[in-house]
Amino acid sequence: MSATGELVLASRWDAVFDVGHWIAAGLRIAFGSLPEWAKLTFAAVVVLALLGGWAHSRTRRRRLLAASGSDEARVR
């Protein structure tokens, strides 16, 4: 609340920044004492898992579209 009693809302981007800041701080606390090679290995595993999930979903979507005979499968 402001000094005049009005409700003041933060912008959406402030909330995103705050959440990102807390996530980064939590990761720094959780993994800060690990050696550099362990941090990089963990980051690489996370990135590869995200890329693998994305590629799997794209492949599955293409197969489903091709099986349904959709025109969208031929366009892409």
Protein backbone atom coordinates (compact mmCIF):
# COMPACT_ATOMS: atom_id res chain seq x y z
CA MET A 1 0.00 0.00 0.00
CA SER A 2 1.17 3.48 -0.74
CA ALA A 3 1.22 6.33 1.75
CA THR A 4 -2.18 7.47 0.47
CA GLY A 5 -3.73 4.06 1.02
CA GLU A 6 -3.86 3.05 -2.65
CA LEU A 7 -2.85 -0.41 -3.75
CA VAL A 8 0.36 -0.31 -5.79
CA LEU A 9 1.10 -3.29 -8.05
CA ALA A 10 4.56 -4.24 -9.24
CA SER A 11 5.05 -4.78 -12.93
CA ARG A 12 5.16 -8.29 -14.34
CA TRP A 13 8.83 -7.88 -15.20
CA ASP A 14 9.69 -6.96 -11.62
CA ALA A 15 8.15 -10.23 -10.48
CA VAL A 16 10.07 -12.19 -13.15
CA PHE A 17 13.31 -10.49 -12.09
CA ASP A 18 12.64 -11.26 -8.43
CA VAL A 19 11.89 -14.93 -9.12
CA GLY A 20 15.02 -15.22 -11.25
CA HIS A 21 17.07 -13.58 -8.53
CA TRP A 22 15.80 -16.02 -5.89
CA ILE A 23 16.40 -19.02 -8.14
CA ALA A 24 19.95 -17.86 -8.89
CA ALA A 25 20.62 -17.26 -5.19
CA GLY A 26 19.28 -20.71 -4.30
CA LEU A 27 21.44 -22.36 -6.94
CA ARG A 28 24.47 -20.40 -5.73
CA ILE A 29 23.83 -21.62 -2.17
CA ALA A 30 23.17 -25.22 -3.23
CA PHE A 31 26.04 -25.59 -5.69
CA GLY A 32 28.47 -22.84 -4.67
CA SER A 33 30.86 -25.12 -2.82
CA LEU A 34 31.18 -27.66 -5.64
CA PRO A 35 34.28 -27.70 -7.86
CA GLU A 36 33.98 -26.02 -11.24
CA TRP A 37 33.98 -29.27 -13.20
CA ALA A 38 31.00 -30.58 -11.19
CA LYS A 39 29.02 -27.36 -11.74
CA LEU A 40 29.67 -27.45 -15.48
CA THR A 41 28.80 -31.15 -15.71
CA PHE A 42 25.52 -30.56 -13.89
CA ALA A 43 24.70 -27.57 -16.15
CA ALA A 44 25.49 -29.64 -19.26
CA VAL A 45 23.22 -32.47 -18.10
CA VAL A 46 20.35 -30.04 -17.47
CA VAL A 47 20.79 -28.35 -20.87
CA LEU A 48 21.01 -31.70 -22.68
CA ALA A 49 17.86 -32.93 -20.90
CA LEU A 50 15.97 -29.78 -21.95
CA LEU A 51 17.16 -30.06 -25.56
CA GLY A 52 16.34 -33.77 -25.65
CA GLY A 53 12.82 -33.12 -24.37
CA TRP A 54 12.30 -30.38 -26.92
CA ALA A 55 13.56 -32.58 -29.78
CA HIS A 56 11.40 -35.50 -28.63
CA SER A 57 8.27 -33.34 -28.52
CA ARG A 58 8.97 -31.96 -32.01
CA THR A 59 9.53 -35.47 -33.42
CA ARG A 60 6.40 -36.81 -31.75
CA ARG A 61 4.34 -33.89 -33.04
CA ARG A 62 5.58 -34.44 -36.59
CA ARG A 63 4.77 -38.15 -36.44
CA LEU A 64 1.26 -37.50 -35.12
CA LEU A 65 0.61 -34.88 -37.79
CA ALA A 66 1.92 -37.17 -40.54
CA ALA A 67 -0.21 -40.06 -39.29
CA SER A 68 -3.32 -37.89 -39.24
CA GLY A 69 -2.72 -36.73 -42.83
CA SER A 70 -2.83 -33.10 -41.80
CA ASP A 71 -1.77 -30.41 -44.30
CA GLU A 72 0.32 -28.82 -41.59
CA ALA A 73 2.72 -31.79 -41.65
CA ARG A 74 3.47 -31.15 -45.33
CA VAL A 75 4.00 -27.42 -44.87
CA ARG A 76 6.63 -27.85 -42.19
